[in-house]
Amino acid sequence: MFARLSIFWRLALGYLAILALVIGVHLYVLNQFRALTELGAELATHHFPAVETAKRLITSLYSQLKSDKQFLVLRDTTLLKEFLQEAENFRKTLLALEEQEPIGEPLDYLKKTKALHEDFHTLFLSVGVEQVDRSPATVANYEGRRDALIDGMTESINAYISSQEASVGAILRDSHLRSVEIQEITQQLLLMALVLGLGLAGIASYSILRPLRRVKAQIRRIGQGQFGGKIPLDVPQELRDLVGTVNWMGEKLQQLDEMKSEFLANISHELRTPLTSIREGSQLLLDGIPGTMNEDQRETLT
């Protein structure tokens, strides 16, 4: 099948194979870059904002603690309103984090923080605001419970931040590995494309030059008088006329050579008897059988 392909299609198929490999390399690189872009977008839209938001939660938490302490001393309604407003903002921010966080350990930290904050809010309203007993023992008990809740929330939020930073580190490592892999595989594929290109070029050249060498060898044999043999026609389409012409020329020359041999054989057969008679008659004359000959006659006969 390949032997009957034209030179154009042989070259075209070779170029198409190289082009397909190059396109495959580009598609692979684009796919990997798309994955890297998605990882970068995940960092920019989720992990980095989540870390910043969690840090704001800690700041808000300590603002609530500050308002709590000031209210216990001053009993000012403005401080109470500030606490409640800060607590509401804390809950909204925490809820926004929960909604964007998938199921997993980071979400558990947020849920734990939410539960502890609800306990802290309830403790502040029931004891810090409404309880009349302000004895040192009662206040100390309240502050101990409050500080424990604050520490628990701080620990949970810090754990959440650590988990996000760990995810960031994992994504960065994955991005680096992907970049190295892209570079290595791209180099390998380009090398394969080069080798394939050279191989296809060699095959195409061989498939074109081989019939030409056969034609050259056949013409050389014809020049040496060897008219037999034919060149196989399993050659590219563009060379079939040339091969057919050389084979036809060889056949015609073979026929002419046979005709020449036959002609010479016939001539030799037809002339053999008269020549023999002439040679014998000349010999008789030279022997002087008919009579004596002078020197001029002898020279003519010889």
Protein backbone atom coordinates (compact mmCIF):
# COMPACT_ATOMS: atom_id res chain seq x y z
CA MET A 1 0.00 0.00 0.00
CA PHE A 2 2.73 2.48 0.96
CA ALA A 3 4.76 1.55 -2.11
CA ARG A 4 1.93 2.75 -4.38
CA LEU A 5 1.56 6.13 -2.68
CA SER A 6 2.66 9.15 -4.65
CA ILE A 7 5.63 11.23 -3.55
CA PHE A 8 3.25 14.03 -2.56
CA TRP A 9 1.24 11.80 -0.23
CA ARG A 10 4.35 10.25 1.26
CA LEU A 11 5.69 13.68 2.16
CA ALA A 12 2.24 14.87 3.24
CA LEU A 13 1.73 11.91 5.58
CA GLY A 14 5.16 12.50 7.10
CA TYR A 15 4.42 16.15 7.72
CA LEU A 16 0.99 15.31 9.11
CA ALA A 17 2.51 12.84 11.57
CA ILE A 18 5.00 15.46 12.78
CA LEU A 19 2.23 18.08 12.95
CA ALA A 20 0.04 15.71 14.97
CA LEU A 21 2.83 15.12 17.47
CA VAL A 22 3.52 18.86 17.78
CA ILE A 23 -0.19 19.52 18.30
CA GLY A 24 -0.23 16.82 20.97
CA VAL A 25 2.67 18.54 22.73
CA HIS A 26 0.87 21.87 22.62
CA LEU A 27 -2.39 20.36 23.91
CA TYR A 28 -0.56 18.69 26.78
CA VAL A 29 1.23 21.92 27.69
CA LEU A 30 -2.01 23.91 27.48
CA ASN A 31 -3.79 21.38 29.68
CA GLN A 32 -1.04 21.54 32.29
CA PHE A 33 -1.01 25.33 32.21
CA ARG A 34 -4.78 25.29 32.63
CA ALA A 35 -4.35 23.10 35.70
CA LEU A 36 -1.71 25.51 37.05
CA THR A 37 -4.07 28.42 36.41
CA GLU A 38 -6.83 26.64 38.31
CA LEU A 39 -4.47 26.04 41.22
CA GLY A 40 -3.48 29.71 41.19
CA ALA A 41 -7.13 30.73 41.07
CA GLU A 42 -7.87 28.45 44.02
CA LEU A 43 -5.11 30.14 45.99
CA ALA A 44 -6.27 33.62 45.03
CA THR A 45 -9.99 33.08 45.51
CA HIS A 46 -10.13 30.70 48.46
CA HIS A 47 -7.07 29.93 50.54
CA PHE A 48 -5.45 33.37 50.78
CA PRO A 49 -8.79 35.17 51.45
CA ALA A 50 -9.71 32.46 53.98
CA VAL A 51 -6.48 33.04 55.91
CA GLU A 52 -7.03 36.82 55.93
CA THR A 53 -10.65 36.39 57.00
CA ALA A 54 -9.65 34.03 59.82
CA LYS A 55 -7.12 36.57 61.05
CA ARG A 56 -9.87 39.20 61.08
CA LEU A 57 -11.95 36.80 63.17
CA ILE A 58 -9.18 36.70 65.77
CA THR A 59 -9.02 40.51 65.76
CA SER A 60 -12.81 40.68 66.15
CA LEU A 61 -12.68 38.13 68.94
CA TYR A 62 -10.21 40.22 70.92
CA SER A 63 -12.30 43.32 70.26
CA GLN A 64 -15.25 41.51 71.83
CA LEU A 65 -13.07 40.52 74.77
CA LYS A 66 -12.02 44.14 75.20
CA SER A 67 -15.64 45.33 75.12
CA ASP A 68 -16.54 42.59 77.61
CA LYS A 69 -13.89 43.67 80.08
CA GLN A 70 -14.76 47.36 79.74
CA PHE A 71 -18.46 46.67 80.19
CA LEU A 72 -17.87 44.67 83.35
CA VAL A 73 -16.15 47.70 84.86
CA LEU A 74 -18.13 50.62 83.41
CA ARG A 75 -21.54 49.03 82.75
CA ASP A 76 -21.95 51.38 79.77
CA THR A 77 -24.70 50.53 77.25
CA THR A 78 -22.53 51.89 74.45
CA LEU A 79 -19.95 49.22 75.23
CA LEU A 80 -22.74 46.64 75.26
CA LYS A 81 -23.88 47.75 71.81
CA GLU A 82 -20.31 47.62 70.53
CA PHE A 83 -19.96 44.08 71.87
CA LEU A 84 -23.22 42.95 70.29
CA GLN A 85 -22.35 44.58 66.96
CA GLU A 86 -18.90 43.03 66.97
CA ALA A 87 -20.37 39.64 67.87
CA GLU A 88 -22.87 39.91 65.00
CA ASN A 89 -20.10 40.77 62.55
CA PHE A 90 -18.10 37.84 63.90
CA ARG A 91 -21.00 35.45 63.27
CA LYS A 92 -21.59 36.74 59.74
CA THR A 93 -17.93 36.45 58.84
CA LEU A 94 -17.75 32.97 60.34
CA LEU A 95 -20.89 31.92 58.43
CA ALA A 96 -19.39 33.19 55.16
CA LEU A 97 -16.28 31.09 55.78
CA GLU A 98 -18.40 28.01 56.53
CA GLU A 99 -20.42 28.40 53.34
CA GLN A 100 -17.35 28.44 51.09
CA GLU A 101 -15.49 25.69 52.91
CA PRO A 102 -15.93 22.10 51.67
CA ILE A 103 -16.49 19.22 54.04
CA GLY A 104 -13.31 18.40 55.91
CA GLU A 105 -11.14 19.23 58.88
CA PRO A 106 -11.04 23.01 58.25
CA LEU A 107 -14.85 23.11 58.33
CA ASP A 108 -14.82 21.23 61.65
CA TYR A 109 -12.59 23.94 63.12
CA LEU A 110 -15.07 26.59 62.01
CA LYS A 111 -18.02 24.70 63.47
CA LYS A 112 -16.17 24.30 66.74
CA THR A 113 -15.42 28.03 66.76
CA LYS A 114 -19.09 28.77 66.09
CA ALA A 115 -20.24 26.59 68.98
CA LEU A 116 -17.71 28.16 71.38
CA HIS A 117 -18.70 31.65 70.27
CA GLU A 118 -22.35 30.91 70.94
CA ASP A 119 -21.38 29.74 74.43
CA PHE A 120 -19.32 32.91 74.90
CA HIS A 121 -22.20 35.12 73.73
CA THR A 122 -24.66 33.33 76.00
CA LEU A 123 -22.26 33.55 78.96
CA PHE A 124 -21.76 37.28 78.43
CA LEU A 125 -25.49 38.03 78.27
CA SER A 126 -26.55 35.74 81.11
CA VAL A 127 -23.72 36.43 83.54
CA GLY A 128 -21.83 39.49 82.40
CA VAL A 129 -24.92 41.58 81.70
CA GLU A 130 -27.91 40.19 83.62
CA GLN A 131 -26.39 38.67 86.78
CA VAL A 132 -26.64 41.04 89.74
CA ASP A 133 -24.02 39.33 91.88
CA ARG A 134 -20.73 41.15 91.30
CA SER A 135 -18.71 39.54 94.02
CA PRO A 136 -15.04 38.87 93.33
CA ALA A 137 -15.63 35.12 93.33
CA THR A 138 -18.47 35.41 90.78
CA VAL A 139 -16.46 37.75 88.58
CA ALA A 140 -13.39 35.50 88.80
CA ASN A 141 -15.50 32.46 87.86
CA TYR A 142 -16.98 34.34 84.90
CA GLU A 143 -13.61 35.53 83.70
CA GLY A 144 -12.18 32.02 83.95
CA ARG A 145 -14.98 30.54 81.87
CA ARG A 146 -14.79 33.42 79.41
CA ASP A 147 -11.03 33.16 78.97
CA ALA A 148 -11.31 29.40 78.44
CA LEU A 149 -13.85 29.99 75.66
CA ILE A 150 -11.65 32.71 74.12
CA ASP A 151 -8.63 30.41 74.22
CA GLY A 152 -10.64 27.59 72.64
CA MET A 153 -11.87 29.83 69.82
CA THR A 154 -8.38 31.24 69.27
CA GLU A 155 -6.96 27.73 69.12
CA SER A 156 -9.63 26.57 66.64
CA ILE A 157 -9.16 29.60 64.39
CA ASN A 158 -5.36 29.20 64.45
CA ALA A 159 -5.79 25.53 63.59
CA TYR A 160 -8.02 26.58 60.69
CA ILE A 161 -5.36 29.05 59.52
CA SER A 162 -2.68 26.35 59.78
CA SER A 163 -4.78 23.96 57.70
CA GLN A 164 -5.25 26.62 55.03
CA GLU A 165 -1.54 27.42 55.00
CA ALA A 166 -0.80 23.70 54.70
CA SER A 167 -3.13 23.57 51.69
CA VAL A 168 -1.33 26.56 50.22
CA GLY A 169 2.01 24.79 50.69
CA ALA A 170 0.67 21.62 49.08
CA ILE A 171 -0.68 23.56 46.10
CA LEU A 172 2.61 25.40 45.65
CA ARG A 173 4.52 22.11 45.77
CA ASP A 174 2.09 20.59 43.29
CA SER A 175 2.50 23.61 41.01
CA HIS A 176 6.28 23.29 41.16
CA LEU A 177 6.14 19.57 40.39
CA ARG A 178 3.77 20.20 37.50
CA SER A 179 6.08 22.89 36.12
CA VAL A 180 9.07 20.54 36.28
CA GLU A 181 7.01 17.74 34.73
CA ILE A 182 5.82 20.03 31.93
CA GLN A 183 9.39 21.01 31.16
CA GLU A 184 10.67 17.43 31.14
CA ILE A 185 7.80 15.96 29.13
CA THR A 186 7.88 18.86 26.66
CA GLN A 187 11.58 18.28 26.06
CA GLN A 188 10.99 14.55 25.59
CA LEU A 189 8.09 15.09 23.20
CA LEU A 190 10.03 17.63 21.17
CA LEU A 191 12.94 15.17 20.97
CA MET A 192 10.50 12.49 19.84
CA ALA A 193 9.14 14.89 17.21
CA LEU A 194 12.68 15.52 15.97
CA VAL A 195 13.49 11.81 15.82
CA LEU A 196 10.16 11.05 14.16
CA GLY A 197 10.72 13.83 11.64
CA LEU A 198 14.17 12.56 10.75
CA GLY A 199 12.88 8.99 10.56
CA LEU A 200 9.97 9.88 8.30
CA ALA A 201 12.24 12.03 6.14
CA GLY A 202 14.65 9.10 5.84
CA ILE A 203 11.85 6.69 4.93
CA ALA A 204 10.40 9.09 2.37
CA SER A 205 13.82 9.73 0.84
CA TYR A 206 14.63 6.00 0.74
CA SER A 207 11.28 5.18 -0.87
CA ILE A 208 11.97 7.80 -3.55
CA LEU A 209 15.69 7.21 -4.13
CA ARG A 210 15.49 3.39 -4.14
CA PRO A 211 13.44 3.22 -7.39
CA LEU A 212 15.72 5.83 -8.96
CA ARG A 213 18.75 3.71 -8.08
CA ARG A 214 17.05 0.71 -9.72
CA VAL A 215 16.44 2.78 -12.86
CA LYS A 216 20.07 3.91 -12.85
CA ALA A 217 21.34 0.34 -12.43
CA GLN A 218 19.03 -0.92 -15.20
CA ILE A 219 20.22 1.79 -17.61
CA ARG A 220 23.83 0.90 -16.78
CA ARG A 221 23.14 -2.80 -17.57
CA ILE A 222 21.49 -1.80 -20.84
CA GLY A 223 24.56 0.27 -21.68
CA GLN A 224 26.69 -2.82 -21.06
CA GLY A 225 24.54 -4.84 -23.45
CA GLN A 226 22.51 -6.69 -20.80
CA PHE A 227 18.96 -6.07 -21.97
CA GLY A 228 17.18 -8.66 -19.84
CA GLY A 229 15.43 -8.04 -16.54
CA LYS A 230 12.74 -5.58 -15.52
CA ILE A 231 12.34 -3.04 -12.76
CA PRO A 232 9.39 -3.85 -10.41
CA LEU A 233 6.51 -1.38 -10.69
CA ASP A 234 6.02 -1.03 -6.91
CA VAL A 235 7.26 2.56 -7.07
CA PRO A 236 5.68 5.97 -6.42
CA GLN A 237 3.09 7.00 -8.95
CA GLU A 238 5.25 9.78 -10.36
CA LEU A 239 8.03 7.29 -11.22
CA ARG A 240 5.89 4.59 -12.85
CA ASP A 241 6.05 6.16 -16.31
CA LEU A 242 9.83 6.41 -16.06
CA VAL A 243 10.16 2.80 -14.87
CA GLY A 244 7.75 1.62 -17.57
CA THR A 245 9.68 3.50 -20.25
CA VAL A 246 13.01 2.00 -19.12
CA ASN A 247 11.48 -1.50 -19.10
CA TRP A 248 9.99 -0.89 -22.57
CA MET A 249 13.36 0.34 -23.85
CA GLY A 250 15.04 -2.77 -22.47
CA GLU A 251 12.48 -5.02 -24.18
CA LYS A 252 12.88 -3.24 -27.51
CA LEU A 253 16.66 -3.37 -27.35
CA GLN A 254 16.44 -7.07 -26.45
CA GLN A 255 14.24 -7.65 -29.49
CA LEU A 256 16.66 -5.70 -31.72
CA ASP A 257 19.58 -7.69 -30.35
CA GLU A 258 17.77 -10.94 -31.08
CA MET A 259 16.88 -9.72 -34.59
CA LYS A 260 20.53 -8.78 -35.18
CA SER A 261 21.73 -12.19 -34.03
CA GLU A 262 19.17 -13.91 -36.22
CA PHE A 263 20.12 -11.73 -39.22
CA LEU A 264 23.81 -12.44 -38.79
CA ALA A 265 23.12 -16.15 -38.47
CA ASN A 266 21.08 -16.15 -41.68
CA ILE A 267 23.69 -14.09 -43.56
CA SER A 268 26.44 -16.40 -42.37
CA HIS A 269 24.47 -19.47 -43.50
CA GLU A 270 23.63 -18.00 -46.91
CA LEU A 271 27.18 -16.86 -47.65
CA ARG A 272 29.00 -19.92 -46.33
CA THR A 273 28.61 -22.15 -49.49
CA PRO A 274 29.54 -19.51 -52.16
CA LEU A 275 32.50 -18.37 -50.14
CA THR A 276 33.72 -21.95 -49.80
CA SER A 277 33.48 -22.47 -53.56
CA ILE A 278 35.28 -19.21 -54.24
CA ARG A 279 38.01 -20.11 -51.75
CA GLU A 280 38.53 -23.56 -53.33
CA GLY A 281 38.57 -22.10 -56.88
CA SER A 282 41.11 -19.51 -55.85
CA GLN A 283 43.27 -22.20 -54.33
CA LEU A 284 43.14 -24.22 -57.56
CA LEU A 285 44.20 -21.18 -59.55
CA LEU A 286 47.02 -20.52 -57.10
CA ASP A 287 48.10 -24.15 -57.42
CA GLY A 288 48.36 -23.62 -61.22
CA ILE A 289 45.92 -26.36 -62.13
CA PRO A 290 44.28 -24.38 -64.98
CA GLY A 291 47.61 -22.97 -66.06
CA THR A 292 50.49 -20.82 -65.03
CA MET A 293 49.62 -17.28 -63.68
CA ASN A 294 51.76 -14.22 -63.63
CA GLU A 295 52.61 -12.22 -60.48
CA ASP A 296 49.79 -9.71 -60.88
CA GLN A 297 47.19 -12.49 -61.04
CA ARG A 298 48.61 -14.21 -57.99
CA GLU A 299 48.62 -10.96 -56.04
CA THR A 300 44.95 -10.40 -56.95
CA LEU A 301 43.93 -13.88 -55.78
CA THR A 302 45.78 -13.62 -52.52
